[in-house]
């Protein structure tokens, strides 16, 4: 498993920077890494990003040592698990507006 550099930086109380990406080109992710960003959020909620494109973007992030995070399209277990399966090191879940939404999100990241 790839080391999560963002998690370590946050644990060490470092300031981190990263963009939301809605462009599906993995080269954009590589540019973010070369520019010194710590992470990239691949936005499937508001962008035209498929899981296949996201997987290629994750590979690009790993090649430049930035942490790939996926913002899934919905608080949906299948979407969340698929994002983890393709290598996301973090998941951002939109529309968590209640305790029950939060409980559903947490349950979704645990494999049964």
PDB file of N, CA and C in Angstrom:
ATOM      1  N   UNK A   1       0.843  -1.183   0.000  1.00  0.00           N
ATOM      2  CA  UNK A   1       0.000   0.000   0.000  1.00  0.00           C
ATOM      3  C   UNK A   1       0.886   1.243   0.000  1.00  0.00           C
ATOM      4  N   UNK A   2       0.500   2.215  -0.791  1.00  0.00           N
ATOM      5  CA  UNK A   2       1.231   3.466  -0.925  1.00  0.00           C
ATOM      6  C   UNK A   2       1.135   4.281   0.363  1.00  0.00           C
ATOM      7  N   UNK A   3       2.247   4.906   0.737  1.00  0.00           N
ATOM      8  CA  UNK A   3       2.284   5.752   1.930  1.00  0.00           C
ATOM      9  C   UNK A   3       1.428   7.004   1.699  1.00  0.00           C
ATOM     10  N   UNK A   4       0.641   7.371   2.712  1.00  0.00           N
ATOM     11  CA  UNK A   4      -0.226   8.543   2.633  1.00  0.00           C
ATOM     12  C   UNK A   4       0.528   9.751   3.190  1.00  0.00           C
ATOM     13  N   UNK A   5       1.162  10.511   2.284  1.00  0.00           N
ATOM     14  CA  UNK A   5       1.961  11.670   2.696  1.00  0.00           C
ATOM     15  C   UNK A   5       1.117  12.763   3.335  1.00  0.00           C
ATOM     16  N   UNK A   6      -0.113  12.922   2.890  1.00  0.00           N
ATOM     17  CA  UNK A   6      -0.996  13.941   3.461  1.00  0.00           C
ATOM     18  C   UNK A   6      -1.296  13.634   4.920  1.00  0.00           C
ATOM     19  N   UNK A   7      -1.599  12.389   5.203  1.00  0.00           N
ATOM     20  CA  UNK A   7      -1.911  11.983   6.576  1.00  0.00           C
ATOM     21  C   UNK A   7      -0.735  12.279   7.505  1.00  0.00           C
ATOM     22  N   UNK A   8       0.478  11.972   7.040  1.00  0.00           N
ATOM     23  CA  UNK A   8       1.668  12.239   7.859  1.00  0.00           C
ATOM     24  C   UNK A   8       1.864  13.743   8.057  1.00  0.00           C
ATOM     25  N   UNK A   9       1.708  14.523   6.998  1.00  0.00           N
ATOM     26  CA  UNK A   9       1.882  15.975   7.110  1.00  0.00           C
ATOM     27  C   UNK A   9       0.877  16.576   8.087  1.00  0.00           C
ATOM     28  N   UNK A  10      -0.367  16.133   8.026  1.00  0.00           N
ATOM     29  CA  UNK A  10      -1.376  16.634   8.963  1.00  0.00           C
ATOM     30  C   UNK A  10      -1.059  16.202  10.389  1.00  0.00           C
ATOM     31  N   UNK A  11      -0.594  14.975  10.544  1.00  0.00           N
ATOM     32  CA  UNK A  11      -0.198  14.483  11.873  1.00  0.00           C
ATOM     33  C   UNK A  11       0.936  15.329  12.450  1.00  0.00           C
ATOM     34  N   UNK A  12       1.827  15.795  11.576  1.00  0.00           N
ATOM     35  CA  UNK A  12       2.958  16.626  11.995  1.00  0.00           C
ATOM     36  C   UNK A  12       2.604  18.111  12.065  1.00  0.00           C
ATOM     37  N   UNK A  13       1.315  18.438  11.985  1.00  0.00           N
ATOM     38  CA  UNK A  13       0.810  19.819  12.057  1.00  0.00           C
ATOM     39  C   UNK A  13       1.368  20.731  10.970  1.00  0.00           C
ATOM     40  N   UNK A  14       1.626  20.188   9.800  1.00  0.00           N
ATOM     41  CA  UNK A  14       2.107  20.994   8.679  1.00  0.00           C
ATOM     42  C   UNK A  14       0.918  21.564   7.912  1.00  0.00           C
ATOM     43  N   UNK A  15       1.145  22.697   7.290  1.00  0.00           N
ATOM     44  CA  UNK A  15       0.144  23.292   6.412  1.00  0.00           C
ATOM     45  C   UNK A  15       0.249  22.593   5.063  1.00  0.00           C
ATOM     46  N   UNK A  16      -0.890  22.196   4.515  1.00  0.00           N
ATOM     47  CA  UNK A  16      -0.902  21.474   3.241  1.00  0.00           C
ATOM     48  C   UNK A  16      -1.784  22.212   2.232  1.00  0.00           C
ATOM     49  N   UNK A  17      -1.490  21.997   0.961  1.00  0.00           N
ATOM     50  CA  UNK A  17      -2.226  22.651  -0.113  1.00  0.00           C
ATOM     51  C   UNK A  17      -2.584  21.641  -1.192  1.00  0.00           C
ATOM     52  N   UNK A  18      -3.760  21.823  -1.775  1.00  0.00           N
ATOM     53  CA  UNK A  18      -4.157  20.965  -2.879  1.00  0.00           C
ATOM     54  C   UNK A  18      -5.388  21.504  -3.574  1.00  0.00           C
ATOM     55  N   UNK A  19      -5.502  21.234  -4.855  1.00  0.00           N
ATOM     56  CA  UNK A  19      -6.630  21.729  -5.645  1.00  0.00           C
ATOM     57  C   UNK A  19      -7.769  20.722  -5.761  1.00  0.00           C
ATOM     58  N   UNK A  20      -8.948  21.228  -6.108  1.00  0.00           N
ATOM     59  CA  UNK A  20     -10.051  20.401  -6.595  1.00  0.00           C
ATOM     60  C   UNK A  20      -9.846  20.291  -8.102  1.00  0.00           C
ATOM     61  N   UNK A  21      -9.923  19.089  -8.633  1.00  0.00           N
ATOM     62  CA  UNK A  21      -9.725  18.897 -10.067  1.00  0.00           C
ATOM     63  C   UNK A  21     -11.000  18.391 -10.722  1.00  0.00           C
ATOM     64  N   UNK A  22     -11.409  19.083 -11.781  1.00  0.00           N
ATOM     65  CA  UNK A  22     -12.562  18.662 -12.574  1.00  0.00           C
ATOM     66  C   UNK A  22     -12.135  18.313 -13.999  1.00  0.00           C
ATOM     67  N   UNK A  23     -10.854  18.430 -14.270  1.00  0.00           N
ATOM     68  CA  UNK A  23     -10.295  18.124 -15.586  1.00  0.00           C
ATOM     69  C   UNK A  23      -9.779  16.696 -15.547  1.00  0.00           C
ATOM     70  N   UNK A  24     -10.129  15.890 -16.525  1.00  0.00           N
ATOM     71  CA  UNK A  24      -9.835  14.458 -16.474  1.00  0.00           C
ATOM     72  C   UNK A  24      -8.439  14.075 -16.953  1.00  0.00           C
ATOM     73  N   UNK A  25      -7.632  15.015 -17.353  1.00  0.00           N
ATOM     74  CA  UNK A  25      -6.310  14.712 -17.898  1.00  0.00           C
ATOM     75  C   UNK A  25      -5.313  14.425 -16.772  1.00  0.00           C
ATOM     76  N   UNK A  26      -4.736  13.217 -16.720  1.00  0.00           N
ATOM     77  CA  UNK A  26      -3.756  12.900 -15.677  1.00  0.00           C
ATOM     78  C   UNK A  26      -2.546  13.831 -15.686  1.00  0.00           C
ATOM     79  N   UNK A  27      -2.237  14.433 -16.832  1.00  0.00           N
ATOM     80  CA  UNK A  27      -1.107  15.363 -16.892  1.00  0.00           C
ATOM     81  C   UNK A  27      -1.328  16.558 -15.966  1.00  0.00           C
ATOM     82  N   UNK A  28      -2.577  16.955 -15.785  1.00  0.00           N
ATOM     83  CA  UNK A  28      -2.879  18.064 -14.870  1.00  0.00           C
ATOM     84  C   UNK A  28      -2.501  17.672 -13.443  1.00  0.00           C
ATOM     85  N   UNK A  29      -2.761  16.432 -13.069  1.00  0.00           N
ATOM     86  CA  UNK A  29      -2.388  15.946 -11.735  1.00  0.00           C
ATOM     87  C   UNK A  29      -0.869  15.971 -11.585  1.00  0.00           C
ATOM     88  N   UNK A  30      -0.158  15.529 -12.609  1.00  0.00           N
ATOM     89  CA  UNK A  30       1.304  15.552 -12.555  1.00  0.00           C
ATOM     90  C   UNK A  30       1.822  16.975 -12.387  1.00  0.00           C
ATOM     91  N   UNK A  31       1.231  17.922 -13.092  1.00  0.00           N
ATOM     92  CA  UNK A  31       1.634  19.324 -12.964  1.00  0.00           C
ATOM     93  C   UNK A  31       1.426  19.806 -11.534  1.00  0.00           C
ATOM     94  N   UNK A  32       0.325  19.416 -10.909  1.00  0.00           N
ATOM     95  CA  UNK A  32       0.068  19.800  -9.514  1.00  0.00           C
ATOM     96  C   UNK A  32       1.168  19.251  -8.599  1.00  0.00           C
ATOM     97  N   UNK A  33       1.594  18.030  -8.859  1.00  0.00           N
ATOM     98  CA  UNK A  33       2.680  17.456  -8.068  1.00  0.00           C
ATOM     99  C   UNK A  33       3.986  18.203  -8.273  1.00  0.00           C
ATOM    100  N   UNK A  34       4.319  18.496  -9.533  1.00  0.00           N
ATOM    101  CA  UNK A  34       5.554  19.226  -9.825  1.00  0.00           C
ATOM    102  C   UNK A  34       5.503  20.642  -9.263  1.00  0.00           C
ATOM    103  N   UNK A  35       4.295  21.200  -9.116  1.00  0.00           N
ATOM    104  CA  UNK A  35       4.132  22.551  -8.564  1.00  0.00           C
ATOM    105  C   UNK A  35       4.243  22.575  -7.043  1.00  0.00           C
ATOM    106  N   UNK A  36       4.300  21.388  -6.423  1.00  0.00           N
ATOM    107  CA  UNK A  36       4.508  21.336  -4.982  1.00  0.00           C
ATOM    108  C   UNK A  36       3.269  21.122  -4.137  1.00  0.00           C
ATOM    109  N   UNK A  37       2.149  20.829  -4.761  1.00  0.00           N
ATOM    110  CA  UNK A  37       0.948  20.559  -3.975  1.00  0.00           C
ATOM    111  C   UNK A  37       1.090  19.244  -3.217  1.00  0.00           C
ATOM    112  N   UNK A  38       0.369  19.133  -2.111  1.00  0.00           N
ATOM    113  CA  UNK A  38       0.443  17.948  -1.252  1.00  0.00           C
ATOM    114  C   UNK A  38      -0.604  16.899  -1.605  1.00  0.00           C
ATOM    115  N   UNK A  39      -1.723  17.326  -2.141  1.00  0.00           N
ATOM    116  CA  UNK A  39      -2.820  16.421  -2.467  1.00  0.00           C
ATOM    117  C   UNK A  39      -3.604  16.990  -3.636  1.00  0.00           C
ATOM    118  N   UNK A  40      -4.448  16.155  -4.223  1.00  0.00           N
ATOM    119  CA  UNK A  40      -5.387  16.596  -5.254  1.00  0.00           C
ATOM    120  C   UNK A  40      -6.721  15.934  -4.968  1.00  0.00           C
ATOM    121  N   UNK A  41      -7.784  16.731  -5.006  1.00  0.00           N
ATOM    122  CA  UNK A  41      -9.130  16.198  -4.829  1.00  0.00           C
ATOM    123  C   UNK A  41      -9.754  16.045  -6.213  1.00  0.00           C
ATOM    124  N   UNK A  42     -10.020  14.811  -6.567  1.00  0.00           N
ATOM    125  CA  UNK A  42     -10.615  14.470  -7.851  1.00  0.00           C
ATOM    126  C   UNK A  42     -12.130  14.560  -7.669  1.00  0.00           C
ATOM    127  N   UNK A  43     -12.737  15.561  -8.286  1.00  0.00           N
ATOM    128  CA  UNK A  43     -14.130  15.912  -7.997  1.00  0.00           C
ATOM    129  C   UNK A  43     -15.110  15.201  -8.923  1.00  0.00           C
ATOM    130  N   UNK A  44     -15.645  14.085  -8.455  1.00  0.00           N
ATOM    131  CA  UNK A  44     -16.652  13.353  -9.222  1.00  0.00           C
ATOM    132  C   UNK A  44     -18.060  13.890  -8.980  1.00  0.00           C
ATOM    133  N   UNK A  45     -18.217  14.742  -7.964  1.00  0.00           N
ATOM    134  CA  UNK A  45     -19.556  15.286  -7.703  1.00  0.00           C
ATOM    135  C   UNK A  45     -19.919  16.356  -8.734  1.00  0.00           C
ATOM    136  N   UNK A  46     -19.005  17.270  -9.001  1.00  0.00           N
ATOM    137  CA  UNK A  46     -19.300  18.400  -9.881  1.00  0.00           C
ATOM    138  C   UNK A  46     -18.563  18.342 -11.211  1.00  0.00           C
ATOM    139  N   UNK A  47     -17.702  17.355 -11.392  1.00  0.00           N
ATOM    140  CA  UNK A  47     -16.937  17.249 -12.629  1.00  0.00           C
ATOM    141  C   UNK A  47     -17.353  16.041 -13.449  1.00  0.00           C
ATOM    142  N   UNK A  48     -16.918  15.988 -14.704  1.00  0.00           N
ATOM    143  CA  UNK A  48     -17.282  14.890 -15.607  1.00  0.00           C
ATOM    144  C   UNK A  48     -16.310  13.716 -15.504  1.00  0.00           C
ATOM    145  N   UNK A  49     -15.969  13.331 -14.300  1.00  0.00           N
ATOM    146  CA  UNK A  49     -14.903  12.353 -14.090  1.00  0.00           C
ATOM    147  C   UNK A  49     -15.498  10.972 -13.829  1.00  0.00           C
ATOM    148  N   UNK A  50     -15.148  10.028 -14.672  1.00  0.00           N
ATOM    149  CA  UNK A  50     -15.570   8.637 -14.495  1.00  0.00           C
ATOM    150  C   UNK A  50     -14.582   7.928 -13.566  1.00  0.00           C
ATOM    151  N   UNK A  51     -14.942   6.743 -13.115  1.00  0.00           N
ATOM    152  CA  UNK A  51     -14.024   5.967 -12.285  1.00  0.00           C
ATOM    153  C   UNK A  51     -12.762   5.606 -13.061  1.00  0.00           C
ATOM    154  N   UNK A  52     -12.899   5.337 -14.350  1.00  0.00           N
ATOM    155  CA  UNK A  52     -11.725   5.021 -15.168  1.00  0.00           C
ATOM    156  C   UNK A  52     -10.774   6.216 -15.232  1.00  0.00           C
ATOM    157  N   UNK A  53     -11.315   7.406 -15.468  1.00  0.00           N
ATOM    158  CA  UNK A  53     -10.483   8.612 -15.478  1.00  0.00           C
ATOM    159  C   UNK A  53      -9.867   8.848 -14.109  1.00  0.00           C
ATOM    160  N   UNK A  54     -10.658   8.644 -13.062  1.00  0.00           N
ATOM    161  CA  UNK A  54     -10.154   8.836 -11.699  1.00  0.00           C
ATOM    162  C   UNK A  54      -8.995   7.891 -11.413  1.00  0.00           C
ATOM    163  N   UNK A  55      -9.096   6.647 -11.872  1.00  0.00           N
ATOM    164  CA  UNK A  55      -8.014   5.689 -11.647  1.00  0.00           C
ATOM    165  C   UNK A  55      -6.728   6.157 -12.331  1.00  0.00           C
ATOM    166  N   UNK A  56      -6.824   6.680 -13.534  1.00  0.00           N
ATOM    167  CA  UNK A  56      -5.647   7.211 -14.221  1.00  0.00           C
ATOM    168  C   UNK A  56      -5.088   8.437 -13.502  1.00  0.00           C
ATOM    169  N   UNK A  57      -5.973   9.257 -12.948  1.00  0.00           N
ATOM    170  CA  UNK A  57      -5.526  10.428 -12.194  1.00  0.00           C
ATOM    171  C   UNK A  57      -4.834  10.005 -10.900  1.00  0.00           C
ATOM    172  N   UNK A  58      -5.319   8.941 -10.276  1.00  0.00           N
ATOM    173  CA  UNK A  58      -4.687   8.418  -9.063  1.00  0.00           C
ATOM    174  C   UNK A  58      -3.279   7.926  -9.378  1.00  0.00           C
ATOM    175  N   UNK A  59      -3.128   7.206 -10.476  1.00  0.00           N
ATOM    176  CA  UNK A  59      -1.789   6.745 -10.875  1.00  0.00           C
ATOM    177  C   UNK A  59      -0.849   7.929 -11.074  1.00  0.00           C
ATOM    178  N   UNK A  60      -1.354   8.981 -11.705  1.00  0.00           N
ATOM    179  CA  UNK A  60      -0.538  10.176 -11.920  1.00  0.00           C
ATOM    180  C   UNK A  60      -0.152  10.812 -10.589  1.00  0.00           C
ATOM    181  N   UNK A  61      -1.099  10.876  -9.652  1.00  0.00           N
ATOM    182  CA  UNK A  61      -0.808  11.448  -8.329  1.00  0.00           C
ATOM    183  C   UNK A  61       0.278  10.647  -7.623  1.00  0.00           C
ATOM    184  N   UNK A  62       0.164   9.337  -7.682  1.00  0.00           N
ATOM    185  CA  UNK A  62       1.164   8.489  -7.036  1.00  0.00           C
ATOM    186  C   UNK A  62       2.538   8.664  -7.671  1.00  0.00           C
ATOM    187  N   UNK A  63       2.585   8.919  -8.976  1.00  0.00           N
ATOM    188  CA  UNK A  63       3.874   9.069  -9.660  1.00  0.00           C
ATOM    189  C   UNK A  63       4.608  10.341  -9.253  1.00  0.00           C
ATOM    190  N   UNK A  64       3.875  11.326  -8.721  1.00  0.00           N
ATOM    191  CA  UNK A  64       4.506  12.579  -8.288  1.00  0.00           C
ATOM    192  C   UNK A  64       4.375  12.789  -6.778  1.00  0.00           C
ATOM    193  N   UNK A  65       4.035  11.709  -6.075  1.00  0.00           N
ATOM    194  CA  UNK A  65       3.985  11.696  -4.602  1.00  0.00           C
ATOM    195  C   UNK A  65       3.033  12.713  -3.992  1.00  0.00           C
ATOM    196  N   UNK A  66       1.855  12.876  -4.601  1.00  0.00           N
ATOM    197  CA  UNK A  66       0.810  13.639  -3.926  1.00  0.00           C
ATOM    198  C   UNK A  66      -0.335  12.682  -3.600  1.00  0.00           C
ATOM    199  N   UNK A  67      -1.076  13.004  -2.570  1.00  0.00           N
ATOM    200  CA  UNK A  67      -2.135  12.124  -2.088  1.00  0.00           C
ATOM    201  C   UNK A  67      -3.407  12.310  -2.914  1.00  0.00           C
ATOM    202  N   UNK A  68      -3.909  11.237  -3.535  1.00  0.00           N
ATOM    203  CA  UNK A  68      -5.154  11.335  -4.297  1.00  0.00           C
ATOM    204  C   UNK A  68      -6.381  11.144  -3.403  1.00  0.00           C
ATOM    205  N   UNK A  69      -7.262  12.118  -3.461  1.00  0.00           N
ATOM    206  CA  UNK A  69      -8.522  12.078  -2.719  1.00  0.00           C
ATOM    207  C   UNK A  69      -9.643  12.146  -3.755  1.00  0.00           C
ATOM    208  N   UNK A  70     -10.675  11.349  -3.568  1.00  0.00           N
ATOM    209  CA  UNK A  70     -11.822  11.418  -4.471  1.00  0.00           C
ATOM    210  C   UNK A  70     -13.021  11.980  -3.719  1.00  0.00           C
ATOM    211  N   UNK A  71     -13.622  13.007  -4.319  1.00  0.00           N
ATOM    212  CA  UNK A  71     -14.921  13.485  -3.848  1.00  0.00           C
ATOM    213  C   UNK A  71     -15.960  12.728  -4.663  1.00  0.00           C
ATOM    214  N   UNK A  72     -16.601  11.755  -4.017  1.00  0.00           N
ATOM    215  CA  UNK A  72     -17.575  10.919  -4.721  1.00  0.00           C
ATOM    216  C   UNK A  72     -18.829  11.729  -5.046  1.00  0.00           C
ATOM    217  N   UNK A  73     -19.619  11.218  -5.976  1.00  0.00           N
ATOM    218  CA  UNK A  73     -20.804  11.940  -6.418  1.00  0.00           C
ATOM    219  C   UNK A  73     -21.935  11.979  -5.422  1.00  0.00           C
ATOM    220  N   UNK A  74     -21.935  11.035  -4.472  1.00  0.00           N
ATOM    221  CA  UNK A  74     -23.049  10.933  -3.537  1.00  0.00           C
ATOM    222  C   UNK A  74     -22.610  10.087  -2.347  1.00  0.00           C
ATOM    223  N   UNK A  75     -23.339  10.195  -1.254  1.00  0.00           N
ATOM    224  CA  UNK A  75     -23.090   9.378  -0.061  1.00  0.00           C
ATOM    225  C   UNK A  75     -23.664   7.984  -0.329  1.00  0.00           C
ATOM    226  N   UNK A  76     -22.935   7.238  -1.149  1.00  0.00           N
ATOM    227  CA  UNK A  76     -23.404   5.956  -1.660  1.00  0.00           C
ATOM    228  C   UNK A  76     -22.306   4.918  -1.455  1.00  0.00           C
ATOM    229  N   UNK A  77     -22.641   3.827  -0.780  1.00  0.00           N
ATOM    230  CA  UNK A  77     -21.638   2.814  -0.439  1.00  0.00           C
ATOM    231  C   UNK A  77     -20.900   2.285  -1.662  1.00  0.00           C
ATOM    232  N   UNK A  78     -21.598   2.003  -2.732  1.00  0.00           N
ATOM    233  CA  UNK A  78     -20.948   1.457  -3.928  1.00  0.00           C
ATOM    234  C   UNK A  78     -19.927   2.438  -4.500  1.00  0.00           C
ATOM    235  N   UNK A  79     -20.269   3.720  -4.558  1.00  0.00           N
ATOM    236  CA  UNK A  79     -19.331   4.729  -5.067  1.00  0.00           C
ATOM    237  C   UNK A  79     -18.118   4.868  -4.158  1.00  0.00           C
ATOM    238  N   UNK A  80     -18.360   4.865  -2.861  1.00  0.00           N
ATOM    239  CA  UNK A  80     -17.278   5.029  -1.888  1.00  0.00           C
ATOM    240  C   UNK A  80     -16.322   3.839  -1.952  1.00  0.00           C
ATOM    241  N   UNK A  81     -16.862   2.630  -1.955  1.00  0.00           N
ATOM    242  CA  UNK A  81     -16.006   1.439  -2.002  1.00  0.00           C
ATOM    243  C   UNK A  81     -15.240   1.357  -3.316  1.00  0.00           C
ATOM    244  N   UNK A  82     -15.875   1.718  -4.414  1.00  0.00           N
ATOM    245  CA  UNK A  82     -15.172   1.695  -5.699  1.00  0.00           C
ATOM    246  C   UNK A  82     -14.021   2.699  -5.698  1.00  0.00           C
ATOM    247  N   UNK A  83     -14.228   3.877  -5.124  1.00  0.00           N
ATOM    248  CA  UNK A  83     -13.152   4.867  -5.042  1.00  0.00           C
ATOM    249  C   UNK A  83     -11.975   4.317  -4.239  1.00  0.00           C
ATOM    250  N   UNK A  84     -12.263   3.639  -3.152  1.00  0.00           N
ATOM    251  CA  UNK A  84     -11.191   3.020  -2.368  1.00  0.00           C
ATOM    252  C   UNK A  84     -10.522   1.901  -3.158  1.00  0.00           C
ATOM    253  N   UNK A  85     -11.302   1.114  -3.866  1.00  0.00           N
ATOM    254  CA  UNK A  85     -10.760   0.008  -4.662  1.00  0.00           C
ATOM    255  C   UNK A  85      -9.779   0.482  -5.731  1.00  0.00           C
ATOM    256  N   UNK A  86     -10.022   1.639  -6.324  1.00  0.00           N
ATOM    257  CA  UNK A  86      -9.130   2.108  -7.387  1.00  0.00           C
ATOM    258  C   UNK A  86      -7.929   2.880  -6.852  1.00  0.00           C
ATOM    259  N   UNK A  87      -7.829   3.021  -5.528  1.00  0.00           N
ATOM    260  CA  UNK A  87      -6.609   3.573  -4.955  1.00  0.00           C
ATOM    261  C   UNK A  87      -6.695   4.922  -4.283  1.00  0.00           C
ATOM    262  N   UNK A  88      -7.889   5.475  -4.137  1.00  0.00           N
ATOM    263  CA  UNK A  88      -7.997   6.752  -3.423  1.00  0.00           C
ATOM    264  C   UNK A  88      -7.470   6.583  -2.003  1.00  0.00           C
ATOM    265  N   UNK A  89      -6.673   7.541  -1.553  1.00  0.00           N
ATOM    266  CA  UNK A  89      -6.151   7.501  -0.189  1.00  0.00           C
ATOM    267  C   UNK A  89      -6.979   8.353   0.753  1.00  0.00           C
ATOM    268  N   UNK A  90      -7.976   8.993   0.208  1.00  0.00           N
ATOM    269  CA  UNK A  90      -8.924   9.767   1.000  1.00  0.00           C
ATOM    270  C   UNK A  90     -10.225   9.868   0.234  1.00  0.00           C
ATOM    271  N   UNK A  91     -11.310   9.986   0.963  1.00  0.00           N
ATOM    272  CA  UNK A  91     -12.632  10.113   0.358  1.00  0.00           C
ATOM    273  C   UNK A  91     -13.300  11.344   0.951  1.00  0.00           C
ATOM    274  N   UNK A  92     -13.827  12.193   0.081  1.00  0.00           N
ATOM    275  CA  UNK A  92     -14.666  13.304   0.532  1.00  0.00           C
ATOM    276  C   UNK A  92     -16.087  12.953   0.125  1.00  0.00           C
ATOM    277  N   UNK A  93     -16.976  13.006   1.090  1.00  0.00           N
ATOM    278  CA  UNK A  93     -18.359  12.602   0.851  1.00  0.00           C
ATOM    279  C   UNK A  93     -19.252  13.838   0.940  1.00  0.00           C
ATOM    280  N   UNK A  94     -19.947  14.172  -0.150  1.00  0.00           N
ATOM    281  CA  UNK A  94     -20.795  15.361  -0.139  1.00  0.00           C
ATOM    282  C   UNK A  94     -22.139  15.106   0.530  1.00  0.00           C
ATOM    283  N   UNK A  95     -22.799  16.191   0.849  1.00  0.00           N
ATOM    284  CA  UNK A  95     -24.174  16.154   1.360  1.00  0.00           C
ATOM    285  C   UNK A  95     -24.325  15.310   2.619  1.00  0.00           C
ATOM    286  N   UNK A  96     -23.379  15.471   3.542  1.00  0.00           N
ATOM    287  CA  UNK A  96     -23.515  14.843   4.861  1.00  0.00           C
ATOM    288  C   UNK A  96     -24.097  15.926   5.762  1.00  0.00           C
ATOM    289  N   UNK A  97     -25.422  15.882   5.941  1.00  0.00           N
ATOM    290  CA  UNK A  97     -26.140  16.954   6.628  1.00  0.00           C
ATOM    291  C   UNK A  97     -26.774  16.536   7.942  1.00  0.00           C
ATOM    292  N   UNK A  98     -26.607  15.288   8.314  1.00  0.00           N
ATOM    293  CA  UNK A  98     -27.240  14.814   9.538  1.00  0.00           C
ATOM    294  C   UNK A  98     -26.399  13.698  10.140  1.00  0.00           C
ATOM    295  N   UNK A  99     -26.760  13.338  11.351  1.00  0.00           N
ATOM    296  CA  UNK A  99     -26.070  12.232  12.020  1.00  0.00           C
ATOM    297  C   UNK A  99     -26.233  10.947  11.217  1.00  0.00           C
ATOM    298  N   UNK A 100     -27.421  10.694  10.712  1.00  0.00           N
ATOM    299  CA  UNK A 100     -27.648   9.457   9.950  1.00  0.00           C
ATOM    300  C   UNK A 100     -26.836   9.447   8.650  1.00  0.00           C
ATOM    301  N   UNK A 101     -26.666  10.618   8.017  1.00  0.00           N
ATOM    302  CA  UNK A 101     -25.800  10.701   6.833  1.00  0.00           C
ATOM    303  C   UNK A 101     -24.361  10.341   7.202  1.00  0.00           C
ATOM    304  N   UNK A 102     -23.898  10.861   8.342  1.00  0.00           N
ATOM    305  CA  UNK A 102     -22.524  10.586   8.785  1.00  0.00           C
ATOM    306  C   UNK A 102     -22.337   9.111   9.116  1.00  0.00           C
ATOM    307  N   UNK A 103     -23.309   8.525   9.790  1.00  0.00           N
ATOM    308  CA  UNK A 103     -23.234   7.095  10.129  1.00  0.00           C
ATOM    309  C   UNK A 103     -23.182   6.260   8.852  1.00  0.00           C
ATOM    310  N   UNK A 104     -24.009   6.595   7.869  1.00  0.00           N
ATOM    311  CA  UNK A 104     -24.014   5.862   6.599  1.00  0.00           C
ATOM    312  C   UNK A 104     -22.659   5.981   5.899  1.00  0.00           C
ATOM    313  N   UNK A 105     -22.067   7.171   5.924  1.00  0.00           N
ATOM    314  CA  UNK A 105     -20.761   7.375   5.292  1.00  0.00           C
ATOM    315  C   UNK A 105     -19.686   6.527   5.965  1.00  0.00           C
ATOM    316  N   UNK A 106     -19.666   6.525   7.284  1.00  0.00           N
ATOM    317  CA  UNK A 106     -18.659   5.746   8.017  1.00  0.00           C
ATOM    318  C   UNK A 106     -18.841   4.255   7.758  1.00  0.00           C
ATOM    319  N   UNK A 107     -20.066   3.783   7.767  1.00  0.00           N
ATOM    320  CA  UNK A 107     -20.319   2.360   7.482  1.00  0.00           C
ATOM    321  C   UNK A 107     -19.862   1.996   6.074  1.00  0.00           C
ATOM    322  N   UNK A 108     -19.963   2.933   5.157  1.00  0.00           N
ATOM    323  CA  UNK A 108     -19.607   2.659   3.764  1.00  0.00           C
ATOM    324  C   UNK A 108     -18.121   2.411   3.555  1.00  0.00           C
ATOM    325  N   UNK A 109     -17.281   2.970   4.396  1.00  0.00           N
ATOM    326  CA  UNK A 109     -15.835   2.801   4.190  1.00  0.00           C
ATOM    327  C   UNK A 109     -15.292   1.545   4.850  1.00  0.00           C
ATOM    328  N   UNK A 110     -16.150   0.800   5.513  1.00  0.00           N
ATOM    329  CA  UNK A 110     -15.720  -0.428   6.184  1.00  0.00           C
ATOM    330  C   UNK A 110     -16.168  -1.630   5.372  1.00  0.00           C
ATOM    331  N   UNK A 111     -15.197  -2.428   4.963  1.00  0.00           N
ATOM    332  CA  UNK A 111     -15.531  -3.650   4.218  1.00  0.00           C
ATOM    333  C   UNK A 111     -16.111  -4.680   5.168  1.00  0.00           C
ATOM    334  N   UNK A 112     -17.159  -5.359   4.737  1.00  0.00           N
ATOM    335  CA  UNK A 112     -17.803  -6.373   5.579  1.00  0.00           C
ATOM    336  C   UNK A 112     -17.204  -7.728   5.318  1.00  0.00           C
TER     337      UNK A 112
END
